Every structure is written in structure tokens, then in C-alpha cells.
Amino acid sequence: MIYQDRPIGQKATKERLKCKQGKAKVGEATVTNLLQQFRDTLVEIEDQKKQDRKIILEQQAMMIQQSQDTQELDRIEKEEQIMKMDISNLDPSFAAYFQNIKLEIMQKRGFNF
């Protein structure tokens, strides 16, 4: 029995439409998943950048601290050299100059005269 009411191939066309709609839904889900993965990856990259910046800042702070420590050690060594100087053979004006420096060093270290 042949149905005369509908054109030939109508059923096949409907089936193709159903398949396309199903694929579109699957495709949309796949795109949504890809977008979510992309967002997650971006968040991970930003977190890594923040960690890298933190590490760099910590390293810079450590280098500054080491530089300050080195300068402090240099200053202490110079003060020690001045404190050990024999000023008895110097010109009176140089002797007075170094005597004042020695007094300043002693005051910084907590010796009061």
C-alpha cells in the first residue's frame, strides 16, 4: 500500500532533521565543555603567573636584604679599622677628626661619655 498524501522522501527528510538536531545538541555540549576547559586553563595560568610573581618578589626582597647585610658588614669593618687606628702620630687636625669619628662610633654602639 502506497500513501498518496505525502511526497516521497518526506520521512527520510524528517529523519535527517532529527539527526542534525541531535548532533547540534551534542556539538553545543562539546563547545560548552571546551569553553569551560578553556576558562579553567586560563584560571590555572593566572594562578601560575601570580605564584611566579610572588616568587620573583621574594627573590628580589632576599637580594635587597643580602645587599643591605653586605653594606652593614662593610660599614662595621670600616668602623673597626677606624677604631683600631693609631692616631698618636697623626697631624693634630687629622687626629681630632678621627677622634670625633671614634666617639660617634662608640655612641652608636651604646657607649656614652
C-alpha atoms as a PDB file:
ATOM      1  CA  MET A   1       0.000   0.000   0.000  1.00  0.00           C
ATOM      2  CA  ILE A   2       1.368   3.398  -1.012  1.00  0.00           C
ATOM      3  CA  TYR A   3       0.410   6.579   0.781  1.00  0.00           C
ATOM      4  CA  GLN A   4      -0.503   9.258  -1.672  1.00  0.00           C
ATOM      5  CA  ASP A   5      -0.966  12.019   0.910  1.00  0.00           C
ATOM      6  CA  ARG A   6       2.672  12.887   1.384  1.00  0.00           C
ATOM      7  CA  PRO A   7       5.508  13.354  -1.070  1.00  0.00           C
ATOM      8  CA  ILE A   8       8.072  10.607  -1.469  1.00  0.00           C
ATOM      9  CA  GLY A   9      11.142  11.132   0.764  1.00  0.00           C
ATOM     10  CA  GLN A  10       9.365  13.140   3.475  1.00  0.00           C
ATOM     11  CA  LYS A  11      10.127  10.534   6.116  1.00  0.00           C
ATOM     12  CA  ALA A  12      13.809  10.489   5.174  1.00  0.00           C
ATOM     13  CA  THR A  13      13.930  14.296   5.381  1.00  0.00           C
ATOM     14  CA  LYS A  14      12.396  14.231   8.851  1.00  0.00           C
ATOM     15  CA  GLU A  15      14.915  11.624   9.968  1.00  0.00           C
ATOM     16  CA  ARG A  16      17.784  13.764   8.670  1.00  0.00           C
ATOM     17  CA  LEU A  17      16.442  16.801  10.555  1.00  0.00           C
ATOM     18  CA  LYS A  18      16.224  14.777  13.774  1.00  0.00           C
ATOM     19  CA  CYS A  19      19.802  13.612  13.328  1.00  0.00           C
ATOM     20  CA  LYS A  20      21.020  17.158  12.670  1.00  0.00           C
ATOM     21  CA  GLN A  21      19.241  18.474  15.751  1.00  0.00           C
ATOM     22  CA  GLY A  22      20.746  15.703  17.857  1.00  0.00           C
ATOM     23  CA  LYS A  23      24.200  16.462  16.534  1.00  0.00           C
ATOM     24  CA  ALA A  24      23.719  20.169  17.196  1.00  0.00           C
ATOM     25  CA  LYS A  25      22.885  19.422  20.820  1.00  0.00           C
ATOM     26  CA  VAL A  26      25.916  17.203  21.138  1.00  0.00           C
ATOM     27  CA  GLY A  27      28.003  19.886  19.422  1.00  0.00           C
ATOM     28  CA  GLU A  28      26.705  22.567  21.783  1.00  0.00           C
ATOM     29  CA  ALA A  29      27.611  20.417  24.760  1.00  0.00           C
ATOM     30  CA  THR A  30      31.063  19.854  23.311  1.00  0.00           C
ATOM     31  CA  VAL A  31      31.543  23.578  22.739  1.00  0.00           C
ATOM     32  CA  THR A  32      30.366  24.293  26.270  1.00  0.00           C
ATOM     33  CA  ASN A  33      32.821  21.735  27.631  1.00  0.00           C
ATOM     34  CA  LEU A  34      35.631  23.219  25.563  1.00  0.00           C
ATOM     35  CA  LEU A  35      34.795  26.714  26.785  1.00  0.00           C
ATOM     36  CA  GLN A  36      34.780  25.511  30.373  1.00  0.00           C
ATOM     37  CA  GLN A  37      38.130  23.774  29.869  1.00  0.00           C
ATOM     38  CA  PHE A  38      39.483  26.960  28.313  1.00  0.00           C
ATOM     39  CA  ARG A  39      38.284  29.011  31.286  1.00  0.00           C
ATOM     40  CA  ASP A  40      39.803  26.506  33.706  1.00  0.00           C
ATOM     41  CA  THR A  41      43.083  26.646  31.813  1.00  0.00           C
ATOM     42  CA  LEU A  42      43.052  30.458  31.928  1.00  0.00           C
ATOM     43  CA  VAL A  43      42.442  30.381  35.670  1.00  0.00           C
ATOM     44  CA  GLU A  44      45.347  27.956  36.119  1.00  0.00           C
ATOM     45  CA  ILE A  45      47.603  30.168  34.002  1.00  0.00           C
ATOM     46  CA  GLU A  46      46.658  33.252  36.039  1.00  0.00           C
ATOM     47  CA  ASP A  47      47.299  31.379  39.288  1.00  0.00           C
ATOM     48  CA  GLN A  48      50.692  30.272  37.988  1.00  0.00           C
ATOM     49  CA  LYS A  49      51.517  33.861  36.994  1.00  0.00           C
ATOM     50  CA  LYS A  50      50.605  35.051  40.480  1.00  0.00           C
ATOM     51  CA  GLN A  51      52.822  32.373  42.032  1.00  0.00           C
ATOM     52  CA  ASP A  52      55.673  33.290  39.684  1.00  0.00           C
ATOM     53  CA  ARG A  53      55.312  36.995  40.568  1.00  0.00           C
ATOM     54  CA  LYS A  54      55.315  36.123  44.258  1.00  0.00           C
ATOM     55  CA  ILE A  55      58.482  34.052  43.855  1.00  0.00           C
ATOM     56  CA  ILE A  56      60.182  36.852  41.903  1.00  0.00           C
ATOM     57  CA  LEU A  57      59.241  39.426  44.546  1.00  0.00           C
ATOM     58  CA  GLU A  58      60.523  37.150  47.316  1.00  0.00           C
ATOM     59  CA  GLN A  59      63.798  36.678  45.446  1.00  0.00           C
ATOM     60  CA  GLN A  60      64.143  40.434  44.940  1.00  0.00           C
ATOM     61  CA  ALA A  61      63.456  41.036  48.626  1.00  0.00           C
ATOM     62  CA  MET A  62      66.072  38.449  49.531  1.00  0.00           C
ATOM     63  CA  MET A  63      68.621  40.084  47.223  1.00  0.00           C
ATOM     64  CA  ILE A  64      67.894  43.508  48.734  1.00  0.00           C
ATOM     65  CA  GLN A  65      68.274  42.060  52.229  1.00  0.00           C
ATOM     66  CA  GLN A  66      71.576  40.439  51.279  1.00  0.00           C
ATOM     67  CA  SER A  67      72.769  43.717  49.785  1.00  0.00           C
ATOM     68  CA  GLN A  68      71.827  45.573  52.962  1.00  0.00           C
ATOM     69  CA  ASP A  69      73.560  42.926  55.073  1.00  0.00           C
ATOM     70  CA  THR A  70      76.683  43.260  52.920  1.00  0.00           C
ATOM     71  CA  GLN A  71      76.628  47.053  53.277  1.00  0.00           C
ATOM     72  CA  GLU A  72      76.174  46.687  57.023  1.00  0.00           C
ATOM     73  CA  LEU A  73      79.152  44.323  57.227  1.00  0.00           C
ATOM     74  CA  ASP A  74      81.260  46.723  55.157  1.00  0.00           C
ATOM     75  CA  ARG A  75      80.306  49.597  57.470  1.00  0.00           C
ATOM     76  CA  ILE A  76      81.178  47.554  60.556  1.00  0.00           C
ATOM     77  CA  GLU A  77      84.543  46.551  59.077  1.00  0.00           C
ATOM     78  CA  LYS A  78      85.368  50.192  58.274  1.00  0.00           C
ATOM     79  CA  GLU A  79      84.376  51.238  61.774  1.00  0.00           C
ATOM     80  CA  GLU A  80      86.592  48.524  63.208  1.00  0.00           C
ATOM     81  CA  GLN A  81      89.517  49.767  61.129  1.00  0.00           C
ATOM     82  CA  ILE A  82      88.944  53.316  62.360  1.00  0.00           C
ATOM     83  CA  MET A  83      88.676  52.128  65.979  1.00  0.00           C
ATOM     84  CA  LYS A  84      92.000  50.271  65.630  1.00  0.00           C
ATOM     85  CA  MET A  85      93.808  53.258  64.095  1.00  0.00           C
ATOM     86  CA  ASP A  86      96.740  54.681  65.971  1.00  0.00           C
ATOM     87  CA  ILE A  87      96.165  58.454  65.829  1.00  0.00           C
ATOM     88  CA  SER A  88      99.101  59.405  68.072  1.00  0.00           C
ATOM     89  CA  ASN A  89     101.426  60.014  65.102  1.00  0.00           C
ATOM     90  CA  LEU A  90      98.911  61.958  63.006  1.00  0.00           C
ATOM     91  CA  ASP A  91      98.719  65.704  62.493  1.00  0.00           C
ATOM     92  CA  PRO A  92      96.624  67.230  65.311  1.00  0.00           C
ATOM     93  CA  SER A  93      93.764  68.193  62.949  1.00  0.00           C
ATOM     94  CA  PHE A  94      93.604  64.636  61.495  1.00  0.00           C
ATOM     95  CA  ALA A  95      93.867  63.189  64.974  1.00  0.00           C
ATOM     96  CA  ALA A  96      90.929  65.341  66.130  1.00  0.00           C
ATOM     97  CA  TYR A  97      88.923  64.287  63.064  1.00  0.00           C
ATOM     98  CA  PHE A  98      89.471  60.573  63.708  1.00  0.00           C
ATOM     99  CA  GLN A  99      88.907  61.039  67.440  1.00  0.00           C
ATOM    100  CA  ASN A 100      85.477  62.545  66.680  1.00  0.00           C
ATOM    101  CA  ILE A 101      84.669  59.649  64.355  1.00  0.00           C
ATOM    102  CA  LYS A 102      85.691  57.180  67.066  1.00  0.00           C
ATOM    103  CA  LEU A 103      83.407  58.938  69.543  1.00  0.00           C
ATOM    104  CA  GLU A 104      80.494  58.790  67.077  1.00  0.00           C
ATOM    105  CA  ILE A 105      81.088  55.069  66.558  1.00  0.00           C
ATOM    106  CA  MET A 106      81.178  54.453  70.294  1.00  0.00           C
ATOM    107  CA  GLN A 107      77.950  56.435  70.796  1.00  0.00           C
ATOM    108  CA  LYS A 108      76.207  54.392  68.048  1.00  0.00           C
ATOM    109  CA  ARG A 109      77.250  51.235  69.845  1.00  0.00           C
ATOM    110  CA  GLY A 110      75.783  52.473  73.122  1.00  0.00           C
ATOM    111  CA  PHE A 111      78.865  53.836  74.908  1.00  0.00           C
ATOM    112  CA  ASN A 112      78.147  57.224  76.398  1.00  0.00           C
ATOM    113  CA  PHE A 113      80.859  59.511  77.722  1.00  0.00           C
END
